[in-house]
Amino acid sequence: MPTETLIGIVDVNELDCDDFVSIFGNVVEHCSLCAAAVWQHRPFRDVYHIHKLVCDFLDNLPEDGQQGVLRLHPDLAGKVAGALTAESQNEQKAAGIDNLTRDEKEAMQERNTKYREKFGFPFVICARKNKKDAILKGLKSRLENDVTAEVTNGVEQVKQIALLRLLGIVRE
């Protein structure tokens, strides 16, 4: 949940578990379990310490758990825009995904479908670090990978997304 005023690390360390999960529960898309697991490692030194703990949580999941985390993410330029979290809507807008031409939208949807059919989870990319052209090319090229490579790629993208979301919540 993006906050208008960044929270200082001292205040973060004073949050009870419910409040922490309420604030940080979407740092990893729809994965409040990650926030609940990270909370127990207080006190945090800084926002990057929280990010390291999020990364450790993701890395320590078995591959099927990592795939589950990836399945929590929406399709890029998906047909159900109302199902996007506020964070995902803002991230996709920043990448220009809300301004796709009809041809780009068709290409995105076709590749999303192929990707999901091949891997069993949606294509995940840090939209705030990419623009629509790079996303379309990345989607096309990553379709050539195997499942193991795509789980690794997807989790690395989730980590980048998480860091940017954390920096939107916690003061450095």
Protein backbone atom coordinates (compact mmCIF):
# COMPACT_ATOMS: atom_id res chain seq x y z
CA MET A 1 0.00 0.00 0.00
CA PRO A 2 1.74 3.21 -1.07
CA THR A 3 1.75 5.87 1.59
CA GLU A 4 1.77 9.61 1.00
CA THR A 5 4.34 10.17 3.73
CA LEU A 6 7.29 7.85 3.99
CA ILE A 7 7.66 5.98 7.26
CA GLY A 8 10.91 6.15 9.22
CA ILE A 9 12.63 2.90 10.15
CA VAL A 10 12.12 3.54 13.88
CA ASP A 11 8.38 3.72 13.28
CA VAL A 12 8.48 0.61 11.09
CA ASN A 13 10.20 -1.29 13.90
CA GLU A 14 7.42 -0.29 16.31
CA LEU A 15 4.61 -1.68 14.14
CA ASP A 16 2.79 -4.73 15.41
CA CYS A 17 2.43 -7.62 12.97
CA ASP A 18 -1.08 -6.69 11.81
CA ASP A 19 -0.10 -3.09 11.03
CA PHE A 20 3.13 -4.21 9.34
CA VAL A 21 1.23 -6.66 7.14
CA SER A 22 -1.38 -4.00 6.37
CA ILE A 23 1.32 -1.61 5.15
CA PHE A 24 3.81 -4.07 3.59
CA GLY A 25 1.48 -6.89 2.53
CA ASN A 26 1.60 -5.96 -1.15
CA VAL A 27 5.33 -5.32 -1.45
CA VAL A 28 5.24 -8.75 -3.09
CA GLU A 29 2.00 -8.75 -5.10
CA HIS A 30 -0.90 -10.20 -3.07
CA CYS A 31 1.58 -11.96 -0.76
CA SER A 32 0.94 -10.83 2.78
CA LEU A 33 2.60 -14.07 3.93
CA CYS A 34 5.94 -12.56 2.89
CA ALA A 35 5.34 -9.47 5.03
CA ALA A 36 4.22 -11.60 7.99
CA ALA A 37 7.37 -13.71 7.70
CA VAL A 38 9.67 -10.68 7.39
CA TRP A 39 8.11 -8.89 10.41
CA GLN A 40 9.62 -11.39 12.86
CA HIS A 41 13.13 -10.23 11.95
CA ARG A 42 12.74 -6.78 13.55
CA PRO A 43 14.50 -4.56 14.32
CA PHE A 44 15.32 -3.59 10.77
CA ARG A 45 18.40 -1.49 10.10
CA ASP A 46 16.96 0.28 7.06
CA VAL A 47 14.78 -0.23 4.00
CA TYR A 48 17.51 -2.29 2.33
CA HIS A 49 17.56 -4.68 5.28
CA ILE A 50 13.82 -5.22 4.80
CA HIS A 51 14.45 -5.80 1.09
CA LYS A 52 17.16 -8.36 1.83
CA LEU A 53 14.73 -10.23 4.09
CA VAL A 54 12.07 -10.17 1.36
CA CYS A 55 14.65 -11.54 -1.10
CA ASP A 56 15.71 -14.23 1.39
CA PHE A 57 12.05 -15.23 1.84
CA LEU A 58 11.61 -15.56 -1.94
CA ASP A 59 14.91 -17.40 -2.43
CA ASN A 60 14.13 -19.90 0.33
CA LEU A 61 10.81 -20.93 -1.17
CA PRO A 62 10.81 -24.21 -3.09
CA GLU A 63 10.33 -23.78 -6.84
CA ASP A 64 6.60 -24.52 -6.60
CA GLY A 65 6.29 -21.79 -3.95
CA GLN A 66 8.17 -19.37 -6.21
CA GLN A 67 5.81 -20.26 -9.05
CA GLY A 68 2.92 -19.58 -6.68
CA VAL A 69 4.28 -16.10 -5.97
CA LEU A 70 4.56 -15.47 -9.71
CA ARG A 71 0.94 -16.61 -10.19
CA LEU A 72 -0.17 -13.83 -7.83
CA HIS A 73 0.91 -11.24 -10.41
CA PRO A 74 -1.47 -9.90 -13.05
CA ASP A 75 -0.99 -10.22 -16.79
CA LEU A 76 0.49 -7.06 -18.28
CA ALA A 77 -2.21 -5.14 -20.13
CA GLY A 78 -4.67 -7.76 -18.98
CA LYS A 79 -8.33 -7.52 -19.84
CA VAL A 80 -9.37 -7.20 -16.20
CA ALA A 81 -7.82 -3.84 -15.31
CA GLY A 82 -10.08 -3.51 -12.27
CA ALA A 83 -8.39 -6.58 -10.78
CA LEU A 84 -5.03 -4.80 -10.66
CA THR A 85 -3.75 -3.55 -7.33
CA ALA A 86 -3.14 0.19 -7.11
CA GLU A 87 0.59 -0.53 -7.21
CA SER A 88 0.31 -2.59 -10.40
CA GLN A 89 -1.91 0.00 -12.07
CA ASN A 90 0.63 2.76 -11.34
CA GLU A 91 3.57 0.61 -12.44
CA GLN A 92 1.93 -0.41 -15.71
CA LYS A 93 0.94 3.20 -16.38
CA ALA A 94 4.53 4.37 -15.78
CA ALA A 95 5.71 1.85 -18.39
CA GLY A 96 3.17 3.12 -20.93
CA ILE A 97 1.17 -0.09 -20.92
CA ASP A 98 -2.05 1.87 -20.54
CA ASN A 99 -1.28 3.59 -23.89
CA LEU A 100 -0.73 0.57 -26.12
CA THR A 101 -1.86 0.79 -29.73
CA ARG A 102 -4.38 -1.82 -30.82
CA ASP A 103 -1.60 -3.83 -32.51
CA GLU A 104 0.62 -3.64 -29.42
CA LYS A 105 -2.25 -4.69 -27.18
CA GLU A 106 -3.02 -7.67 -29.42
CA ALA A 107 0.68 -8.65 -29.46
CA MET A 108 0.88 -8.29 -25.67
CA GLN A 109 -2.23 -10.38 -25.10
CA GLU A 110 -1.13 -13.05 -27.58
CA ARG A 111 2.32 -13.32 -25.98
CA ASN A 112 0.84 -13.26 -22.46
CA THR A 113 -1.40 -16.18 -23.41
CA LYS A 114 1.47 -18.17 -24.94
CA TYR A 115 3.67 -17.40 -21.93
CA ARG A 116 1.02 -18.46 -19.40
CA GLU A 117 0.24 -21.63 -21.39
CA LYS A 118 3.94 -22.55 -21.59
CA PHE A 119 4.97 -21.74 -18.01
CA GLY A 120 1.77 -21.85 -15.95
CA PHE A 121 2.26 -18.36 -14.52
CA PRO A 122 2.15 -14.83 -15.95
CA PHE A 123 5.10 -12.93 -17.41
CA VAL A 124 6.53 -10.79 -14.62
CA ILE A 125 8.77 -7.83 -15.32
CA CYS A 126 9.55 -4.70 -13.33
CA ALA A 127 7.38 -2.35 -15.38
CA ARG A 128 8.79 0.76 -13.68
CA LYS A 129 12.26 -0.13 -15.00
CA ASN A 130 11.02 -0.81 -18.54
CA LYS A 131 8.93 0.83 -21.22
CA LYS A 132 6.33 -0.87 -23.37
CA ASP A 133 8.72 -1.65 -26.26
CA ALA A 134 11.24 -3.33 -23.95
CA ILE A 135 8.42 -5.25 -22.25
CA LEU A 136 7.08 -6.53 -25.58
CA LYS A 137 10.59 -7.59 -26.66
CA GLY A 138 11.30 -9.18 -23.29
CA LEU A 139 8.06 -11.12 -23.40
CA LYS A 140 8.92 -12.43 -26.87
CA SER A 141 12.50 -13.40 -25.99
CA ARG A 142 11.67 -14.96 -22.62
CA LEU A 143 9.17 -17.28 -24.32
CA GLU A 144 12.27 -19.12 -25.60
CA ASN A 145 13.40 -20.02 -22.05
CA ASP A 146 12.64 -23.15 -20.06
CA VAL A 147 10.51 -23.15 -16.89
CA THR A 148 13.48 -23.13 -14.49
CA ALA A 149 15.00 -20.08 -16.18
CA GLU A 150 11.67 -18.28 -16.14
CA VAL A 151 11.06 -18.97 -12.47
CA THR A 152 14.50 -17.49 -11.78
CA ASN A 153 13.85 -14.50 -14.08
CA GLY A 154 10.40 -13.92 -12.62
CA VAL A 155 11.58 -14.03 -9.01
CA GLU A 156 14.41 -11.59 -9.80
CA GLN A 157 11.82 -9.23 -11.30
CA VAL A 158 9.63 -9.61 -8.19
CA LYS A 159 12.66 -8.57 -6.09
CA GLN A 160 13.12 -5.42 -8.20
CA ILE A 161 9.43 -4.60 -7.91
CA ALA A 162 9.60 -5.16 -4.14
CA LEU A 163 12.54 -2.78 -3.72
CA LEU A 164 10.77 -0.01 -5.60
CA ARG A 165 7.60 -0.56 -3.59
CA LEU A 166 9.58 -0.52 -0.32
CA LEU A 167 11.24 2.75 -1.33
CA GLY A 168 7.74 4.16 -1.75
CA ILE A 169 6.88 3.24 1.84
CA VAL A 170 10.04 3.55 3.97
CA ARG A 171 12.27 6.62 4.22
CA GLU A 172 15.90 5.81 3.32
